[in-house]
């Protein structure tokens, strides 16, 4: 399954379990997670610059890959990102 298929599957499952969730999956489903995080980091870096008194923020990226079994993913998913907003039920 390619990345686009994974993204679509995640968006569909998220809409099913959290239709009123805090994350706009339809708007984000066309963007990679890396691009979404980079946009967030850019905003934080701008805030640091505006605050003054700090060195120029540095951003370091590392390419890595981690494959999960279905069971492993279901264990870790509720502890990351927007999924932390969902209840255990």
PDB file of N, CA and C in Angstrom:
ATOM      1  N   UNK A   1       0.856  -1.174   0.000  1.00  0.00           N
ATOM      2  CA  UNK A   1       0.000   0.000   0.000  1.00  0.00           C
ATOM      3  C   UNK A   1       0.895   1.229   0.000  1.00  0.00           C
ATOM      4  N   UNK A   2       0.674   2.145  -0.930  1.00  0.00           N
ATOM      5  CA  UNK A   2       1.476   3.361  -1.029  1.00  0.00           C
ATOM      6  C   UNK A   2       1.075   4.398   0.007  1.00  0.00           C
ATOM      7  N   UNK A   3       1.886   5.451   0.103  1.00  0.00           N
ATOM      8  CA  UNK A   3       1.641   6.489   1.102  1.00  0.00           C
ATOM      9  C   UNK A   3       0.269   7.132   0.921  1.00  0.00           C
ATOM     10  N   UNK A   4      -0.122   7.392  -0.325  1.00  0.00           N
ATOM     11  CA  UNK A   4      -1.432   7.989  -0.567  1.00  0.00           C
ATOM     12  C   UNK A   4      -2.567   7.106  -0.070  1.00  0.00           C
ATOM     13  N   UNK A   5      -2.424   5.800  -0.270  1.00  0.00           N
ATOM     14  CA  UNK A   5      -3.444   4.865   0.199  1.00  0.00           C
ATOM     15  C   UNK A   5      -3.480   4.827   1.724  1.00  0.00           C
ATOM     16  N   UNK A   6      -2.299   4.872   2.351  1.00  0.00           N
ATOM     17  CA  UNK A   6      -2.247   4.913   3.818  1.00  0.00           C
ATOM     18  C   UNK A   6      -2.928   6.175   4.343  1.00  0.00           C
ATOM     19  N   UNK A   7      -2.640   7.292   3.697  1.00  0.00           N
ATOM     20  CA  UNK A   7      -3.227   8.565   4.117  1.00  0.00           C
ATOM     21  C   UNK A   7      -4.741   8.525   3.995  1.00  0.00           C
ATOM     22  N   UNK A   8      -5.234   8.004   2.889  1.00  0.00           N
ATOM     23  CA  UNK A   8      -6.682   7.912   2.681  1.00  0.00           C
ATOM     24  C   UNK A   8      -7.319   6.974   3.703  1.00  0.00           C
ATOM     25  N   UNK A   9      -6.654   5.852   3.996  1.00  0.00           N
ATOM     26  CA  UNK A   9      -7.186   4.904   4.978  1.00  0.00           C
ATOM     27  C   UNK A   9      -7.231   5.532   6.367  1.00  0.00           C
ATOM     28  N   UNK A  10      -6.171   6.269   6.731  1.00  0.00           N
ATOM     29  CA  UNK A  10      -6.161   6.949   8.030  1.00  0.00           C
ATOM     30  C   UNK A  10      -7.287   7.972   8.100  1.00  0.00           C
ATOM     31  N   UNK A  11      -7.436   8.773   7.064  1.00  0.00           N
ATOM     32  CA  UNK A  11      -8.469   9.811   7.059  1.00  0.00           C
ATOM     33  C   UNK A  11      -9.856   9.188   7.206  1.00  0.00           C
ATOM     34  N   UNK A  12     -10.106   8.097   6.493  1.00  0.00           N
ATOM     35  CA  UNK A  12     -11.412   7.438   6.574  1.00  0.00           C
ATOM     36  C   UNK A  12     -11.660   6.880   7.971  1.00  0.00           C
ATOM     37  N   UNK A  13     -10.646   6.244   8.557  1.00  0.00           N
ATOM     38  CA  UNK A  13     -10.835   5.676   9.894  1.00  0.00           C
ATOM     39  C   UNK A  13     -10.992   6.771  10.938  1.00  0.00           C
ATOM     40  N   UNK A  14     -10.256   7.867  10.794  1.00  0.00           N
ATOM     41  CA  UNK A  14     -10.369   8.964  11.749  1.00  0.00           C
ATOM     42  C   UNK A  14     -11.761   9.595  11.672  1.00  0.00           C
ATOM     43  N   UNK A  15     -12.274   9.790  10.465  1.00  0.00           N
ATOM     44  CA  UNK A  15     -13.628  10.342  10.319  1.00  0.00           C
ATOM     45  C   UNK A  15     -14.663   9.423  10.967  1.00  0.00           C
ATOM     46  N   UNK A  16     -14.423   8.115  10.888  1.00  0.00           N
ATOM     47  CA  UNK A  16     -15.366   7.152  11.450  1.00  0.00           C
ATOM     48  C   UNK A  16     -15.363   7.191  12.979  1.00  0.00           C
ATOM     49  N   UNK A  17     -14.171   7.225  13.605  1.00  0.00           N
ATOM     50  CA  UNK A  17     -14.105   7.162  15.069  1.00  0.00           C
ATOM     51  C   UNK A  17     -14.169   8.525  15.735  1.00  0.00           C
ATOM     52  N   UNK A  18     -13.873   9.596  15.005  1.00  0.00           N
ATOM     53  CA  UNK A  18     -13.873  10.938  15.598  1.00  0.00           C
ATOM     54  C   UNK A  18     -14.440  11.961  14.622  1.00  0.00           C
ATOM     55  N   UNK A  19     -15.715  11.816  14.271  1.00  0.00           N
ATOM     56  CA  UNK A  19     -16.277  12.731  13.277  1.00  0.00           C
ATOM     57  C   UNK A  19     -16.241  14.194  13.713  1.00  0.00           C
ATOM     58  N   UNK A  20     -16.231  14.443  15.013  1.00  0.00           N
ATOM     59  CA  UNK A  20     -16.163  15.815  15.521  1.00  0.00           C
ATOM     60  C   UNK A  20     -14.802  16.108  16.136  1.00  0.00           C
ATOM     61  N   UNK A  21     -13.791  15.335  15.749  1.00  0.00           N
ATOM     62  CA  UNK A  21     -12.460  15.487  16.325  1.00  0.00           C
ATOM     63  C   UNK A  21     -11.813  16.829  16.014  1.00  0.00           C
ATOM     64  N   UNK A  22     -10.710  17.112  16.714  1.00  0.00           N
ATOM     65  CA  UNK A  22     -10.052  18.418  16.577  1.00  0.00           C
ATOM     66  C   UNK A  22      -9.174  18.554  15.343  1.00  0.00           C
ATOM     67  N   UNK A  23      -9.139  17.541  14.502  1.00  0.00           N
ATOM     68  CA  UNK A  23      -8.222  17.515  13.376  1.00  0.00           C
ATOM     69  C   UNK A  23      -9.006  17.454  12.073  1.00  0.00           C
ATOM     70  N   UNK A  24      -8.768  18.386  11.182  1.00  0.00           N
ATOM     71  CA  UNK A  24      -9.478  18.437   9.897  1.00  0.00           C
ATOM     72  C   UNK A  24      -8.808  17.497   8.902  1.00  0.00           C
ATOM     73  N   UNK A  25      -9.165  16.214   8.952  1.00  0.00           N
ATOM     74  CA  UNK A  25      -8.489  15.230   8.103  1.00  0.00           C
ATOM     75  C   UNK A  25      -8.700  15.491   6.627  1.00  0.00           C
ATOM     76  N   UNK A  26      -9.848  16.008   6.240  1.00  0.00           N
ATOM     77  CA  UNK A  26     -10.070  16.266   4.814  1.00  0.00           C
ATOM     78  C   UNK A  26      -9.119  17.332   4.300  1.00  0.00           C
ATOM     79  N   UNK A  27      -8.889  18.350   5.101  1.00  0.00           N
ATOM     80  CA  UNK A  27      -7.980  19.423   4.695  1.00  0.00           C
ATOM     81  C   UNK A  27      -6.532  18.934   4.718  1.00  0.00           C
ATOM     82  N   UNK A  28      -6.182  18.071   5.662  1.00  0.00           N
ATOM     83  CA  UNK A  28      -4.798  17.636   5.818  1.00  0.00           C
ATOM     84  C   UNK A  28      -4.454  16.413   4.980  1.00  0.00           C
ATOM     85  N   UNK A  29      -5.451  15.690   4.481  1.00  0.00           N
ATOM     86  CA  UNK A  29      -5.168  14.409   3.841  1.00  0.00           C
ATOM     87  C   UNK A  29      -4.324  14.528   2.580  1.00  0.00           C
ATOM     88  N   UNK A  30      -4.253  15.698   1.971  1.00  0.00           N
ATOM     89  CA  UNK A  30      -3.415  15.868   0.798  1.00  0.00           C
ATOM     90  C   UNK A  30      -2.005  16.332   1.127  1.00  0.00           C
ATOM     91  N   UNK A  31      -1.724  16.552   2.403  1.00  0.00           N
ATOM     92  CA  UNK A  31      -0.409  17.052   2.815  1.00  0.00           C
ATOM     93  C   UNK A  31       0.336  15.962   3.573  1.00  0.00           C
ATOM     94  N   UNK A  32       1.632  15.899   3.382  1.00  0.00           N
ATOM     95  CA  UNK A  32       2.410  14.913   4.116  1.00  0.00           C
ATOM     96  C   UNK A  32       2.555  15.359   5.564  1.00  0.00           C
ATOM     97  N   UNK A  33       2.759  14.403   6.449  1.00  0.00           N
ATOM     98  CA  UNK A  33       2.964  14.719   7.864  1.00  0.00           C
ATOM     99  C   UNK A  33       4.176  15.622   8.031  1.00  0.00           C
ATOM    100  N   UNK A  34       5.216  15.373   7.240  1.00  0.00           N
ATOM    101  CA  UNK A  34       6.426  16.196   7.344  1.00  0.00           C
ATOM    102  C   UNK A  34       6.098  17.652   7.039  1.00  0.00           C
ATOM    103  N   UNK A  35       5.339  17.891   5.979  1.00  0.00           N
ATOM    104  CA  UNK A  35       4.986  19.278   5.635  1.00  0.00           C
ATOM    105  C   UNK A  35       4.146  19.937   6.722  1.00  0.00           C
ATOM    106  N   UNK A  36       3.248  19.177   7.328  1.00  0.00           N
ATOM    107  CA  UNK A  36       2.428  19.751   8.398  1.00  0.00           C
ATOM    108  C   UNK A  36       3.286  20.111   9.607  1.00  0.00           C
ATOM    109  N   UNK A  37       4.215  19.212   9.985  1.00  0.00           N
ATOM    110  CA  UNK A  37       5.096  19.512  11.115  1.00  0.00           C
ATOM    111  C   UNK A  37       6.012  20.683  10.795  1.00  0.00           C
ATOM    112  N   UNK A  38       6.542  20.740   9.569  1.00  0.00           N
ATOM    113  CA  UNK A  38       7.430  21.846   9.195  1.00  0.00           C
ATOM    114  C   UNK A  38       6.714  23.187   9.299  1.00  0.00           C
ATOM    115  N   UNK A  39       5.450  23.223   8.910  1.00  0.00           N
ATOM    116  CA  UNK A  39       4.684  24.468   9.029  1.00  0.00           C
ATOM    117  C   UNK A  39       4.543  24.870  10.493  1.00  0.00           C
ATOM    118  N   UNK A  40       4.299  23.905  11.351  1.00  0.00           N
ATOM    119  CA  UNK A  40       4.200  24.191  12.784  1.00  0.00           C
ATOM    120  C   UNK A  40       5.518  24.668  13.359  1.00  0.00           C
ATOM    121  N   UNK A  41       6.610  24.007  12.966  1.00  0.00           N
ATOM    122  CA  UNK A  41       7.930  24.407  13.455  1.00  0.00           C
ATOM    123  C   UNK A  41       8.293  25.804  12.970  1.00  0.00           C
ATOM    124  N   UNK A  42       7.914  26.140  11.742  1.00  0.00           N
ATOM    125  CA  UNK A  42       8.208  27.478  11.210  1.00  0.00           C
ATOM    126  C   UNK A  42       7.504  28.547  12.042  1.00  0.00           C
ATOM    127  N   UNK A  43       6.275  28.272  12.455  1.00  0.00           N
ATOM    128  CA  UNK A  43       5.541  29.230  13.285  1.00  0.00           C
ATOM    129  C   UNK A  43       6.224  29.389  14.645  1.00  0.00           C
ATOM    130  N   UNK A  44       6.638  28.282  15.241  1.00  0.00           N
ATOM    131  CA  UNK A  44       7.332  28.355  16.533  1.00  0.00           C
ATOM    132  C   UNK A  44       8.636  29.130  16.386  1.00  0.00           C
ATOM    133  N   UNK A  45       9.384  28.875  15.313  1.00  0.00           N
ATOM    134  CA  UNK A  45      10.644  29.600  15.081  1.00  0.00           C
ATOM    135  C   UNK A  45      10.383  31.099  14.954  1.00  0.00           C
ATOM    136  N   UNK A  46       9.315  31.474  14.256  1.00  0.00           N
ATOM    137  CA  UNK A  46       8.961  32.896  14.144  1.00  0.00           C
ATOM    138  C   UNK A  46       8.642  33.489  15.513  1.00  0.00           C
ATOM    139  N   UNK A  47       7.926  32.738  16.340  1.00  0.00           N
ATOM    140  CA  UNK A  47       7.598  33.214  17.689  1.00  0.00           C
ATOM    141  C   UNK A  47       8.863  33.397  18.528  1.00  0.00           C
ATOM    142  N   UNK A  48       9.821  32.485  18.393  1.00  0.00           N
ATOM    143  CA  UNK A  48      11.087  32.595  19.124  1.00  0.00           C
ATOM    144  C   UNK A  48      11.842  33.839  18.667  1.00  0.00           C
ATOM    145  N   UNK A  49      11.889  34.060  17.364  1.00  0.00           N
ATOM    146  CA  UNK A  49      12.560  35.256  16.843  1.00  0.00           C
ATOM    147  C   UNK A  49      11.909  36.532  17.385  1.00  0.00           C
ATOM    148  N   UNK A  50      10.582  36.559  17.375  1.00  0.00           N
ATOM    149  CA  UNK A  50       9.850  37.739  17.855  1.00  0.00           C
ATOM    150  C   UNK A  50      10.092  37.985  19.345  1.00  0.00           C
ATOM    151  N   UNK A  51      10.212  36.916  20.106  1.00  0.00           N
ATOM    152  CA  UNK A  51      10.411  37.056  21.551  1.00  0.00           C
ATOM    153  C   UNK A  51      11.751  37.710  21.866  1.00  0.00           C
ATOM    154  N   UNK A  52      12.745  37.472  21.001  1.00  0.00           N
ATOM    155  CA  UNK A  52      14.073  38.042  21.227  1.00  0.00           C
ATOM    156  C   UNK A  52      14.791  37.319  22.359  1.00  0.00           C
ATOM    157  N   UNK A  53      16.094  37.574  22.449  1.00  0.00           N
ATOM    158  CA  UNK A  53      16.877  36.981  23.522  1.00  0.00           C
ATOM    159  C   UNK A  53      17.347  35.562  23.268  1.00  0.00           C
ATOM    160  N   UNK A  54      17.031  35.028  22.114  1.00  0.00           N
ATOM    161  CA  UNK A  54      17.429  33.663  21.787  1.00  0.00           C
ATOM    162  C   UNK A  54      18.269  33.670  20.518  1.00  0.00           C
ATOM    163  N   UNK A  55      19.100  32.644  20.363  1.00  0.00           N
ATOM    164  CA  UNK A  55      19.848  32.472  19.117  1.00  0.00           C
ATOM    165  C   UNK A  55      18.856  32.107  18.007  1.00  0.00           C
ATOM    166  N   UNK A  56      19.300  32.229  16.773  1.00  0.00           N
ATOM    167  CA  UNK A  56      18.472  31.859  15.628  1.00  0.00           C
ATOM    168  C   UNK A  56      18.083  30.381  15.746  1.00  0.00           C
ATOM    169  N   UNK A  57      16.792  30.069  15.663  1.00  0.00           N
ATOM    170  CA  UNK A  57      16.371  28.667  15.742  1.00  0.00           C
ATOM    171  C   UNK A  57      16.994  27.839  14.616  1.00  0.00           C
ATOM    172  N   UNK A  58      17.388  26.634  14.945  1.00  0.00           N
ATOM    173  CA  UNK A  58      17.945  25.711  13.951  1.00  0.00           C
ATOM    174  C   UNK A  58      16.992  24.539  13.795  1.00  0.00           C
ATOM    175  N   UNK A  59      16.866  24.097  12.585  1.00  0.00           N
ATOM    176  CA  UNK A  59      16.007  22.954  12.297  1.00  0.00           C
ATOM    177  C   UNK A  59      16.864  21.858  11.702  1.00  0.00           C
ATOM    178  N   UNK A  60      16.763  20.670  12.253  1.00  0.00           N
ATOM    179  CA  UNK A  60      17.522  19.533  11.762  1.00  0.00           C
ATOM    180  C   UNK A  60      16.542  18.427  11.385  1.00  0.00           C
ATOM    181  N   UNK A  61      16.692  17.891  10.202  1.00  0.00           N
ATOM    182  CA  UNK A  61      15.829  16.808   9.739  1.00  0.00           C
ATOM    183  C   UNK A  61      16.649  15.538   9.556  1.00  0.00           C
ATOM    184  N   UNK A  62      16.056  14.418   9.914  1.00  0.00           N
ATOM    185  CA  UNK A  62      16.682  13.121   9.713  1.00  0.00           C
ATOM    186  C   UNK A  62      15.690  12.226   8.994  1.00  0.00           C
ATOM    187  N   UNK A  63      16.126  11.586   7.933  1.00  0.00           N
ATOM    188  CA  UNK A  63      15.280  10.608   7.255  1.00  0.00           C
ATOM    189  C   UNK A  63      15.351   9.306   8.031  1.00  0.00           C
ATOM    190  N   UNK A  64      14.210   8.717   8.295  1.00  0.00           N
ATOM    191  CA  UNK A  64      14.181   7.424   8.953  1.00  0.00           C
ATOM    192  C   UNK A  64      12.893   6.719   8.582  1.00  0.00           C
ATOM    193  N   UNK A  65      12.879   5.449   8.804  1.00  0.00           N
ATOM    194  CA  UNK A  65      11.710   4.643   8.461  1.00  0.00           C
ATOM    195  C   UNK A  65      11.489   3.639   9.578  1.00  0.00           C
ATOM    196  N   UNK A  66      10.257   3.464   9.949  1.00  0.00           N
ATOM    197  CA  UNK A  66       9.908   2.483  10.968  1.00  0.00           C
ATOM    198  C   UNK A  66       8.648   1.780  10.504  1.00  0.00           C
ATOM    199  N   UNK A  67       8.719   0.489  10.409  1.00  0.00           N
ATOM    200  CA  UNK A  67       7.536  -0.279  10.029  1.00  0.00           C
ATOM    201  C   UNK A  67       6.907  -0.867  11.284  1.00  0.00           C
ATOM    202  N   UNK A  68       5.582  -0.819  11.339  1.00  0.00           N
ATOM    203  CA  UNK A  68       4.834  -1.323  12.477  1.00  0.00           C
ATOM    204  C   UNK A  68       3.926  -2.453  12.029  1.00  0.00           C
ATOM    205  N   UNK A  69       3.735  -3.423  12.904  1.00  0.00           N
ATOM    206  CA  UNK A  69       2.659  -4.383  12.669  1.00  0.00           C
ATOM    207  C   UNK A  69       1.360  -3.662  13.005  1.00  0.00           C
ATOM    208  N   UNK A  70       0.258  -4.230  12.623  1.00  0.00           N
ATOM    209  CA  UNK A  70      -1.036  -3.616  12.937  1.00  0.00           C
ATOM    210  C   UNK A  70      -1.190  -3.456  14.448  1.00  0.00           C
ATOM    211  N   UNK A  71      -0.848  -4.504  15.201  1.00  0.00           N
ATOM    212  CA  UNK A  71      -0.982  -4.462  16.661  1.00  0.00           C
ATOM    213  C   UNK A  71      -0.090  -3.381  17.269  1.00  0.00           C
ATOM    214  N   UNK A  72       1.147  -3.268  16.782  1.00  0.00           N
ATOM    215  CA  UNK A  72       2.047  -2.232  17.294  1.00  0.00           C
ATOM    216  C   UNK A  72       1.487  -0.841  17.013  1.00  0.00           C
ATOM    217  N   UNK A  73       0.958  -0.651  15.805  1.00  0.00           N
ATOM    218  CA  UNK A  73       0.419   0.668  15.453  1.00  0.00           C
ATOM    219  C   UNK A  73      -0.783   1.014  16.326  1.00  0.00           C
ATOM    220  N   UNK A  74      -1.656   0.042  16.556  1.00  0.00           N
ATOM    221  CA  UNK A  74      -2.828   0.302  17.392  1.00  0.00           C
ATOM    222  C   UNK A  74      -2.430   0.609  18.835  1.00  0.00           C
ATOM    223  N   UNK A  75      -1.296   0.073  19.291  1.00  0.00           N
ATOM    224  CA  UNK A  75      -0.794   0.395  20.635  1.00  0.00           C
ATOM    225  C   UNK A  75      -0.234   1.808  20.709  1.00  0.00           C
ATOM    226  N   UNK A  76       0.500   2.228  19.684  1.00  0.00           N
ATOM    227  CA  UNK A  76       1.190   3.520  19.738  1.00  0.00           C
ATOM    228  C   UNK A  76       0.326   4.682  19.251  1.00  0.00           C
ATOM    229  N   UNK A  77      -0.584   4.448  18.340  1.00  0.00           N
ATOM    230  CA  UNK A  77      -1.353   5.538  17.727  1.00  0.00           C
ATOM    231  C   UNK A  77      -2.052   6.449  18.735  1.00  0.00           C
ATOM    232  N   UNK A  78      -2.701   5.912  19.778  1.00  0.00           N
ATOM    233  CA  UNK A  78      -3.405   6.810  20.705  1.00  0.00           C
ATOM    234  C   UNK A  78      -2.481   7.714  21.524  1.00  0.00           C
ATOM    235  N   UNK A  79      -1.185   7.478  21.460  1.00  0.00           N
ATOM    236  CA  UNK A  79      -0.242   8.274  22.260  1.00  0.00           C
ATOM    237  C   UNK A  79       0.431   9.368  21.446  1.00  0.00           C
ATOM    238  N   UNK A  80       0.024   9.537  20.185  1.00  0.00           N
ATOM    239  CA  UNK A  80       0.713  10.490  19.322  1.00  0.00           C
ATOM    240  C   UNK A  80      -0.242  11.477  18.672  1.00  0.00           C
ATOM    241  N   UNK A  81       0.258  12.659  18.440  1.00  0.00           N
ATOM    242  CA  UNK A  81      -0.458  13.662  17.660  1.00  0.00           C
ATOM    243  C   UNK A  81      -1.875  13.917  18.127  1.00  0.00           C
ATOM    244  N   UNK A  82      -2.746  14.149  17.166  1.00  0.00           N
ATOM    245  CA  UNK A  82      -4.130  14.499  17.477  1.00  0.00           C
ATOM    246  C   UNK A  82      -4.900  13.346  18.097  1.00  0.00           C
ATOM    247  N   UNK A  83      -4.395  12.126  17.955  1.00  0.00           N
ATOM    248  CA  UNK A  83      -5.108  10.983  18.514  1.00  0.00           C
ATOM    249  C   UNK A  83      -5.105  10.995  20.036  1.00  0.00           C
ATOM    250  N   UNK A  84      -4.227  11.780  20.650  1.00  0.00           N
ATOM    251  CA  UNK A  84      -4.229  11.888  22.110  1.00  0.00           C
ATOM    252  C   UNK A  84      -5.497  12.563  22.608  1.00  0.00           C
ATOM    253  N   UNK A  85      -6.239  13.227  21.725  1.00  0.00           N
ATOM    254  CA  UNK A  85      -7.478  13.908  22.110  1.00  0.00           C
ATOM    255  C   UNK A  85      -8.675  12.962  22.182  1.00  0.00           C
ATOM    256  N   UNK A  86      -8.512  11.736  21.704  1.00  0.00           N
ATOM    257  CA  UNK A  86      -9.630  10.798  21.710  1.00  0.00           C
ATOM    258  C   UNK A  86      -9.714  10.091  23.052  1.00  0.00           C
ATOM    259  N   UNK A  87     -10.918   9.737  23.458  1.00  0.00           N
ATOM    260  CA  UNK A  87     -11.080   8.995  24.705  1.00  0.00           C
ATOM    261  C   UNK A  87     -10.723   7.536  24.458  1.00  0.00           C
ATOM    262  N   UNK A  88     -10.485   6.810  25.516  1.00  0.00           N
ATOM    263  CA  UNK A  88     -10.147   5.396  25.412  1.00  0.00           C
ATOM    264  C   UNK A  88     -11.298   4.539  24.934  1.00  0.00           C
ATOM    265  N   UNK A  89     -12.499   5.036  25.028  1.00  0.00           N
ATOM    266  CA  UNK A  89     -13.654   4.251  24.594  1.00  0.00           C
ATOM    267  C   UNK A  89     -13.862   4.478  23.125  1.00  0.00           C
TER     268      UNK A  89
END
